[in-house]
Amino acid sequence: MRGDPLAIPVAGNLVPEDQQNVIAPIAAPTSNLETNVEAAQQPGSIVWWVMLLVLYLTWDVLQNHTKLGEALAPSNVRANVHNIIIITLAAVVGLNGLNVLFTKLAALKIPVVSKAAGTLLPLVSL
């Protein structure tokens, strides 16, 4: 090697001795909670939830041909909330389960199965 005999080769280049122990500062990672709290504090974030609620109530009234008062009856609200929770849980568990299954099948390197799983993986990736 040419140059300084104490220099350490890094990716084909020589790093001078005075720069060998320099550590670049790393930004502190933010957690998902911090990111979500920042997003929730932005103006207008609650507007989307209100719009979704209005859209859902409008769909309920149009679909069931009921008046708004009947759509807001406690028994109807309870049934609707139950359905929303069940559908959401099924979607979350189903999508994550398929994501894990397709990822594992793609990693097994079985000729036809791995290729098919790798092709289907983007459909369930979140």
N, C-alpha and C. Protein backbone atom coordinates (compact mmCIF):
# COMPACT_ATOMS: atom_id res chain seq x y z
N MET A 1 0.83 -1.18 0.00
CA MET A 1 0.00 0.00 0.00
C MET A 1 0.87 1.24 0.00
N ARG A 2 0.39 2.21 -0.70
CA ARG A 2 1.13 3.46 -0.75
C ARG A 2 0.58 4.42 0.31
N GLY A 3 1.35 5.42 0.64
CA GLY A 3 0.88 6.45 1.56
C GLY A 3 1.16 6.10 3.00
N ASP A 4 0.29 6.57 3.88
CA ASP A 4 0.44 6.39 5.32
C ASP A 4 0.29 4.92 5.69
N PRO A 5 1.27 4.32 6.37
CA PRO A 5 1.17 2.90 6.73
C PRO A 5 0.12 2.65 7.81
N LEU A 6 -0.29 3.67 8.54
CA LEU A 6 -1.29 3.50 9.59
C LEU A 6 -2.72 3.74 9.11
N ALA A 7 -2.88 4.14 7.85
CA ALA A 7 -4.22 4.40 7.33
C ALA A 7 -4.98 3.09 7.11
N ILE A 8 -6.27 3.12 7.35
CA ILE A 8 -7.11 1.94 7.20
C ILE A 8 -7.84 2.03 5.86
N PRO A 9 -7.74 1.00 5.01
CA PRO A 9 -8.46 1.06 3.74
C PRO A 9 -9.96 0.89 3.96
N VAL A 10 -10.74 1.78 3.36
CA VAL A 10 -12.20 1.71 3.43
C VAL A 10 -12.71 1.80 2.01
N ALA A 11 -13.33 0.73 1.55
CA ALA A 11 -13.91 0.67 0.20
C ALA A 11 -12.89 1.09 -0.86
N GLY A 12 -11.65 0.65 -0.70
CA GLY A 12 -10.63 0.93 -1.68
C GLY A 12 -9.91 2.25 -1.47
N ASN A 13 -10.37 3.10 -0.59
CA ASN A 13 -9.74 4.38 -0.31
C ASN A 13 -9.05 4.31 1.04
N LEU A 14 -8.06 5.13 1.21
CA LEU A 14 -7.35 5.18 2.49
C LEU A 14 -7.92 6.32 3.32
N VAL A 15 -8.23 6.03 4.57
CA VAL A 15 -8.73 7.04 5.49
C VAL A 15 -7.57 7.51 6.34
N PRO A 16 -7.28 8.82 6.37
CA PRO A 16 -6.18 9.32 7.20
C PRO A 16 -6.40 8.97 8.68
N GLU A 17 -5.28 8.84 9.40
CA GLU A 17 -5.35 8.43 10.79
C GLU A 17 -6.16 9.38 11.66
N ASP A 18 -6.10 10.68 11.40
CA ASP A 18 -6.84 11.64 12.23
C ASP A 18 -8.35 11.56 12.01
N GLN A 19 -8.81 10.90 10.96
CA GLN A 19 -10.24 10.79 10.68
C GLN A 19 -10.78 9.38 10.92
N GLN A 20 -9.93 8.48 11.42
CA GLN A 20 -10.35 7.09 11.59
C GLN A 20 -11.34 6.92 12.73
N ASN A 21 -11.22 7.67 13.77
CA ASN A 21 -12.09 7.50 14.94
C ASN A 21 -13.17 8.57 15.03
N VAL A 22 -13.41 9.27 13.95
CA VAL A 22 -14.45 10.29 13.94
C VAL A 22 -15.80 9.61 13.77
N ILE A 23 -16.72 9.88 14.67
CA ILE A 23 -18.05 9.30 14.61
C ILE A 23 -19.03 10.38 14.19
N ALA A 24 -19.75 10.12 13.11
CA ALA A 24 -20.72 11.09 12.63
C ALA A 24 -21.93 11.10 13.57
N PRO A 25 -22.45 12.28 13.88
CA PRO A 25 -23.63 12.33 14.75
C PRO A 25 -24.84 11.70 14.06
N ILE A 26 -25.61 10.96 14.82
CA ILE A 26 -26.79 10.29 14.30
C ILE A 26 -28.01 10.93 14.94
N ALA A 27 -28.98 11.27 14.13
CA ALA A 27 -30.21 11.86 14.66
C ALA A 27 -30.98 10.81 15.45
N ALA A 28 -31.56 11.25 16.55
CA ALA A 28 -32.33 10.34 17.38
C ALA A 28 -33.57 9.88 16.62
N PRO A 29 -33.82 8.58 16.59
CA PRO A 29 -34.99 8.10 15.87
C PRO A 29 -36.27 8.51 16.58
N THR A 30 -37.28 8.79 15.80
CA THR A 30 -38.56 9.11 16.41
C THR A 30 -39.42 7.86 16.40
N SER A 31 -40.23 7.72 17.42
CA SER A 31 -41.10 6.56 17.51
C SER A 31 -42.37 6.80 16.70
N ASN A 32 -43.11 5.73 16.47
CA ASN A 32 -44.38 5.86 15.77
C ASN A 32 -45.34 6.71 16.56
N LEU A 33 -45.29 6.61 17.88
CA LEU A 33 -46.18 7.40 18.71
C LEU A 33 -45.92 8.89 18.52
N GLU A 34 -44.64 9.28 18.51
CA GLU A 34 -44.31 10.69 18.31
C GLU A 34 -44.76 11.17 16.93
N THR A 35 -44.56 10.35 15.94
CA THR A 35 -44.98 10.71 14.59
C THR A 35 -46.49 10.86 14.51
N ASN A 36 -47.23 9.93 15.13
CA ASN A 36 -48.69 9.99 15.10
C ASN A 36 -49.23 11.17 15.88
N VAL A 37 -48.59 11.50 17.00
CA VAL A 37 -49.03 12.65 17.78
C VAL A 37 -48.82 13.93 17.00
N GLU A 38 -47.68 14.04 16.32
CA GLU A 38 -47.42 15.22 15.49
C GLU A 38 -48.43 15.34 14.36
N ALA A 39 -48.77 14.22 13.74
CA ALA A 39 -49.74 14.24 12.65
C ALA A 39 -51.13 14.60 13.16
N ALA A 40 -51.47 14.13 14.34
CA ALA A 40 -52.80 14.42 14.90
C ALA A 40 -52.93 15.87 15.32
N GLN A 41 -51.82 16.51 15.65
CA GLN A 41 -51.88 17.89 16.10
C GLN A 41 -51.93 18.88 14.95
N GLN A 42 -51.75 18.41 13.74
CA GLN A 42 -51.82 19.30 12.59
C GLN A 42 -53.27 19.73 12.37
N PRO A 43 -53.48 20.97 11.97
CA PRO A 43 -54.85 21.43 11.76
C PRO A 43 -55.50 20.66 10.62
N GLY A 44 -56.76 20.32 10.82
CA GLY A 44 -57.51 19.64 9.78
C GLY A 44 -57.50 18.13 9.88
N SER A 45 -56.78 17.55 10.82
CA SER A 45 -56.73 16.09 10.89
C SER A 45 -58.06 15.50 11.34
N ILE A 46 -58.80 16.22 12.18
CA ILE A 46 -60.10 15.72 12.65
C ILE A 46 -61.16 15.85 11.57
N VAL A 47 -60.92 16.71 10.61
CA VAL A 47 -61.89 16.93 9.53
C VAL A 47 -62.12 15.64 8.76
N TRP A 48 -61.07 14.87 8.54
CA TRP A 48 -61.22 13.61 7.79
C TRP A 48 -62.11 12.63 8.53
N TRP A 49 -61.98 12.55 9.85
CA TRP A 49 -62.83 11.64 10.62
C TRP A 49 -64.28 12.09 10.58
N VAL A 50 -64.52 13.40 10.66
CA VAL A 50 -65.89 13.91 10.58
C VAL A 50 -66.47 13.63 9.20
N MET A 51 -65.68 13.83 8.18
CA MET A 51 -66.16 13.56 6.82
C MET A 51 -66.47 12.07 6.63
N LEU A 52 -65.64 11.19 7.18
CA LEU A 52 -65.92 9.76 7.09
C LEU A 52 -67.20 9.39 7.83
N LEU A 53 -67.43 10.00 8.98
CA LEU A 53 -68.65 9.73 9.74
C LEU A 53 -69.87 10.19 8.97
N VAL A 54 -69.81 11.38 8.39
CA VAL A 54 -70.94 11.90 7.60
C VAL A 54 -71.17 11.01 6.38
N LEU A 55 -70.10 10.60 5.72
CA LEU A 55 -70.22 9.72 4.57
C LEU A 55 -70.83 8.38 4.95
N TYR A 56 -70.42 7.86 6.10
CA TYR A 56 -70.97 6.58 6.56
C TYR A 56 -72.45 6.70 6.89
N LEU A 57 -72.84 7.76 7.58
CA LEU A 57 -74.26 7.96 7.91
C LEU A 57 -75.09 8.17 6.65
N THR A 58 -74.54 8.90 5.69
CA THR A 58 -75.25 9.10 4.42
C THR A 58 -75.44 7.77 3.71
N TRP A 59 -74.39 6.97 3.68
CA TRP A 59 -74.50 5.65 3.04
C TRP A 59 -75.51 4.78 3.77
N ASP A 60 -75.54 4.82 5.08
CA ASP A 60 -76.48 4.02 5.87
C ASP A 60 -77.92 4.43 5.57
N VAL A 61 -78.16 5.73 5.48
CA VAL A 61 -79.51 6.21 5.19
C VAL A 61 -79.92 5.81 3.78
N LEU A 62 -79.04 5.97 2.80
CA LEU A 62 -79.37 5.63 1.42
C LEU A 62 -79.51 4.12 1.22
N GLN A 63 -78.66 3.35 1.86
CA GLN A 63 -78.67 1.90 1.68
C GLN A 63 -79.91 1.27 2.31
N ASN A 64 -80.24 1.70 3.51
CA ASN A 64 -81.35 1.07 4.23
C ASN A 64 -82.68 1.79 4.06
N HIS A 65 -82.70 2.89 3.32
CA HIS A 65 -83.91 3.68 3.09
C HIS A 65 -84.59 4.06 4.40
N THR A 66 -83.78 4.49 5.36
CA THR A 66 -84.31 4.91 6.66
C THR A 66 -84.08 6.41 6.84
N LYS A 67 -84.74 6.94 7.82
CA LYS A 67 -84.51 8.34 8.16
C LYS A 67 -83.27 8.43 9.04
N LEU A 68 -82.71 9.64 9.13
CA LEU A 68 -81.49 9.82 9.91
C LEU A 68 -81.72 9.46 11.38
N GLY A 69 -82.90 9.77 11.91
CA GLY A 69 -83.21 9.44 13.31
C GLY A 69 -83.17 7.94 13.56
N GLU A 70 -83.67 7.17 12.59
CA GLU A 70 -83.63 5.71 12.74
C GLU A 70 -82.20 5.18 12.59
N ALA A 71 -81.41 5.82 11.73
CA ALA A 71 -80.02 5.38 11.55
C ALA A 71 -79.20 5.62 12.81
N LEU A 72 -79.57 6.66 13.57
CA LEU A 72 -78.84 6.98 14.80
C LEU A 72 -79.43 6.30 16.04
N ALA A 73 -80.43 5.45 15.86
CA ALA A 73 -81.01 4.73 17.00
C ALA A 73 -79.92 3.86 17.63
N PRO A 74 -79.94 3.74 18.98
CA PRO A 74 -78.87 2.99 19.66
C PRO A 74 -78.68 1.56 19.15
N SER A 75 -79.77 0.87 18.84
CA SER A 75 -79.62 -0.51 18.38
C SER A 75 -78.93 -0.55 17.01
N ASN A 76 -79.25 0.40 16.14
CA ASN A 76 -78.59 0.44 14.83
C ASN A 76 -77.13 0.85 14.96
N VAL A 77 -76.84 1.81 15.83
CA VAL A 77 -75.46 2.25 16.03
C VAL A 77 -74.63 1.11 16.60
N ARG A 78 -75.21 0.38 17.56
CA ARG A 78 -74.49 -0.74 18.16
C ARG A 78 -74.17 -1.80 17.11
N ALA A 79 -75.14 -2.13 16.25
CA ALA A 79 -74.91 -3.12 15.20
C ALA A 79 -73.87 -2.62 14.19
N ASN A 80 -73.95 -1.35 13.84
CA ASN A 80 -72.99 -0.80 12.88
C ASN A 80 -71.57 -0.78 13.45
N VAL A 81 -71.43 -0.37 14.70
CA VAL A 81 -70.11 -0.34 15.34
C VAL A 81 -69.55 -1.76 15.43
N HIS A 82 -70.41 -2.71 15.78
CA HIS A 82 -69.97 -4.11 15.85
C HIS A 82 -69.48 -4.58 14.48
N ASN A 83 -70.21 -4.27 13.43
CA ASN A 83 -69.81 -4.69 12.09
C ASN A 83 -68.50 -4.02 11.67
N ILE A 84 -68.34 -2.75 11.99
CA ILE A 84 -67.11 -2.05 11.64
C ILE A 84 -65.91 -2.68 12.35
N ILE A 85 -66.08 -3.01 13.63
CA ILE A 85 -64.99 -3.62 14.39
C ILE A 85 -64.64 -4.99 13.82
N ILE A 86 -65.64 -5.81 13.55
CA ILE A 86 -65.39 -7.16 13.03
C ILE A 86 -64.73 -7.11 11.65
N ILE A 87 -65.22 -6.24 10.79
CA ILE A 87 -64.64 -6.13 9.44
C ILE A 87 -63.21 -5.61 9.52
N THR A 88 -62.96 -4.64 10.40
CA THR A 88 -61.61 -4.09 10.54
C THR A 88 -60.65 -5.15 11.07
N LEU A 89 -61.07 -5.89 12.09
CA LEU A 89 -60.21 -6.95 12.62
C LEU A 89 -59.92 -8.02 11.57
N ALA A 90 -60.94 -8.40 10.82
CA ALA A 90 -60.74 -9.41 9.79
C ALA A 90 -59.77 -8.91 8.72
N ALA A 91 -59.91 -7.65 8.34
CA ALA A 91 -59.01 -7.09 7.32
C ALA A 91 -57.58 -7.00 7.83
N VAL A 92 -57.41 -6.54 9.06
CA VAL A 92 -56.05 -6.39 9.62
C VAL A 92 -55.38 -7.75 9.78
N VAL A 93 -56.09 -8.68 10.39
CA VAL A 93 -55.51 -10.01 10.60
C VAL A 93 -55.29 -10.71 9.26
N GLY A 94 -56.26 -10.58 8.35
CA GLY A 94 -56.13 -11.23 7.05
C GLY A 94 -54.97 -10.69 6.24
N LEU A 95 -54.86 -9.36 6.15
CA LEU A 95 -53.78 -8.77 5.36
C LEU A 95 -52.41 -9.08 5.97
N ASN A 96 -52.29 -8.95 7.28
CA ASN A 96 -51.00 -9.25 7.91
C ASN A 96 -50.67 -10.73 7.83
N GLY A 97 -51.66 -11.57 8.00
CA GLY A 97 -51.43 -13.01 7.89
C GLY A 97 -50.99 -13.42 6.49
N LEU A 98 -51.66 -12.87 5.48
CA LEU A 98 -51.25 -13.17 4.10
C LEU A 98 -49.88 -12.60 3.79
N ASN A 99 -49.57 -11.43 4.34
CA ASN A 99 -48.26 -10.83 4.14
C ASN A 99 -47.16 -11.74 4.69
N VAL A 100 -47.35 -12.24 5.89
CA VAL A 100 -46.38 -13.15 6.50
C VAL A 100 -46.28 -14.45 5.70
N LEU A 101 -47.43 -15.00 5.32
CA LEU A 101 -47.45 -16.26 4.57
C LEU A 101 -46.74 -16.12 3.23
N PHE A 102 -47.06 -15.07 2.47
CA PHE A 102 -46.44 -14.88 1.16
C PHE A 102 -44.94 -14.59 1.30
N THR A 103 -44.55 -13.86 2.34
CA THR A 103 -43.13 -13.58 2.54
C THR A 103 -42.37 -14.86 2.83
N LYS A 104 -42.92 -15.71 3.69
CA LYS A 104 -42.25 -16.97 4.02
C LYS A 104 -42.21 -17.91 2.81
N LEU A 105 -43.30 -17.96 2.07
CA LEU A 105 -43.31 -18.82 0.88
C LEU A 105 -42.32 -18.33 -0.17
N ALA A 106 -42.21 -17.01 -0.32
CA ALA A 106 -41.26 -16.46 -1.29
C ALA A 106 -39.82 -16.75 -0.87
N ALA A 107 -39.56 -16.80 0.44
CA ALA A 107 -38.21 -17.03 0.93
C ALA A 107 -37.81 -18.51 0.87
N LEU A 108 -38.75 -19.42 0.70
CA LEU A 108 -38.44 -20.85 0.68
C LEU A 108 -37.75 -21.30 -0.60
N LYS A 109 -37.81 -20.51 -1.65
CA LYS A 109 -37.16 -20.80 -2.93
C LYS A 109 -37.70 -22.08 -3.59
N ILE A 110 -39.00 -22.32 -3.43
CA ILE A 110 -39.65 -23.42 -4.15
C ILE A 110 -40.00 -22.86 -5.53
N PRO A 111 -39.62 -23.51 -6.61
CA PRO A 111 -39.70 -22.90 -7.94
C PRO A 111 -41.02 -22.20 -8.28
N VAL A 112 -42.12 -22.88 -8.31
CA VAL A 112 -43.37 -22.26 -8.74
C VAL A 112 -44.04 -21.50 -7.59
N VAL A 113 -44.01 -22.08 -6.41
CA VAL A 113 -44.69 -21.49 -5.26
C VAL A 113 -44.06 -20.16 -4.86
N SER A 114 -42.74 -20.10 -4.81
CA SER A 114 -42.06 -18.87 -4.41
C SER A 114 -42.29 -17.75 -5.41
N LYS A 115 -42.31 -18.09 -6.69
CA LYS A 115 -42.54 -17.06 -7.71
C LYS A 115 -43.97 -16.53 -7.59
N ALA A 116 -44.94 -17.41 -7.37
CA ALA A 116 -46.33 -16.98 -7.23
C ALA A 116 -46.50 -16.13 -5.96
N ALA A 117 -45.88 -16.56 -4.87
CA ALA A 117 -45.98 -15.80 -3.62
C ALA A 117 -45.32 -14.44 -3.75
N GLY A 118 -44.18 -14.38 -4.43
CA GLY A 118 -43.50 -13.11 -4.66
C GLY A 118 -44.32 -12.18 -5.54
N THR A 119 -45.07 -12.76 -6.46
CA THR A 119 -45.93 -11.95 -7.33
C THR A 119 -47.13 -11.42 -6.55
N LEU A 120 -47.68 -12.21 -5.64
CA LEU A 120 -48.85 -11.80 -4.87
C LEU A 120 -48.51 -10.92 -3.67
N LEU A 121 -47.27 -10.91 -3.25
CA LEU A 121 -46.86 -10.17 -2.06
C LEU A 121 -47.19 -8.67 -2.12
N PRO A 122 -46.98 -7.97 -3.23
CA PRO A 122 -47.33 -6.55 -3.25
C PRO A 122 -48.82 -6.27 -3.03
N LEU A 123 -49.67 -7.25 -3.27
CA LEU A 123 -51.11 -7.03 -3.08
C LEU A 123 -51.48 -6.88 -1.61
N VAL A 124 -50.71 -7.49 -0.72
CA VAL A 124 -51.05 -7.44 0.70
C VAL A 124 -50.04 -6.64 1.52
N SER A 125 -49.03 -6.07 0.88
CA SER A 125 -48.05 -5.27 1.62
C SER A 125 -48.68 -3.93 1.98
N LEU A 126 -48.46 -3.55 3.23
CA LEU A 126 -49.03 -2.28 3.70
C LEU A 126 -48.01 -1.19 3.73
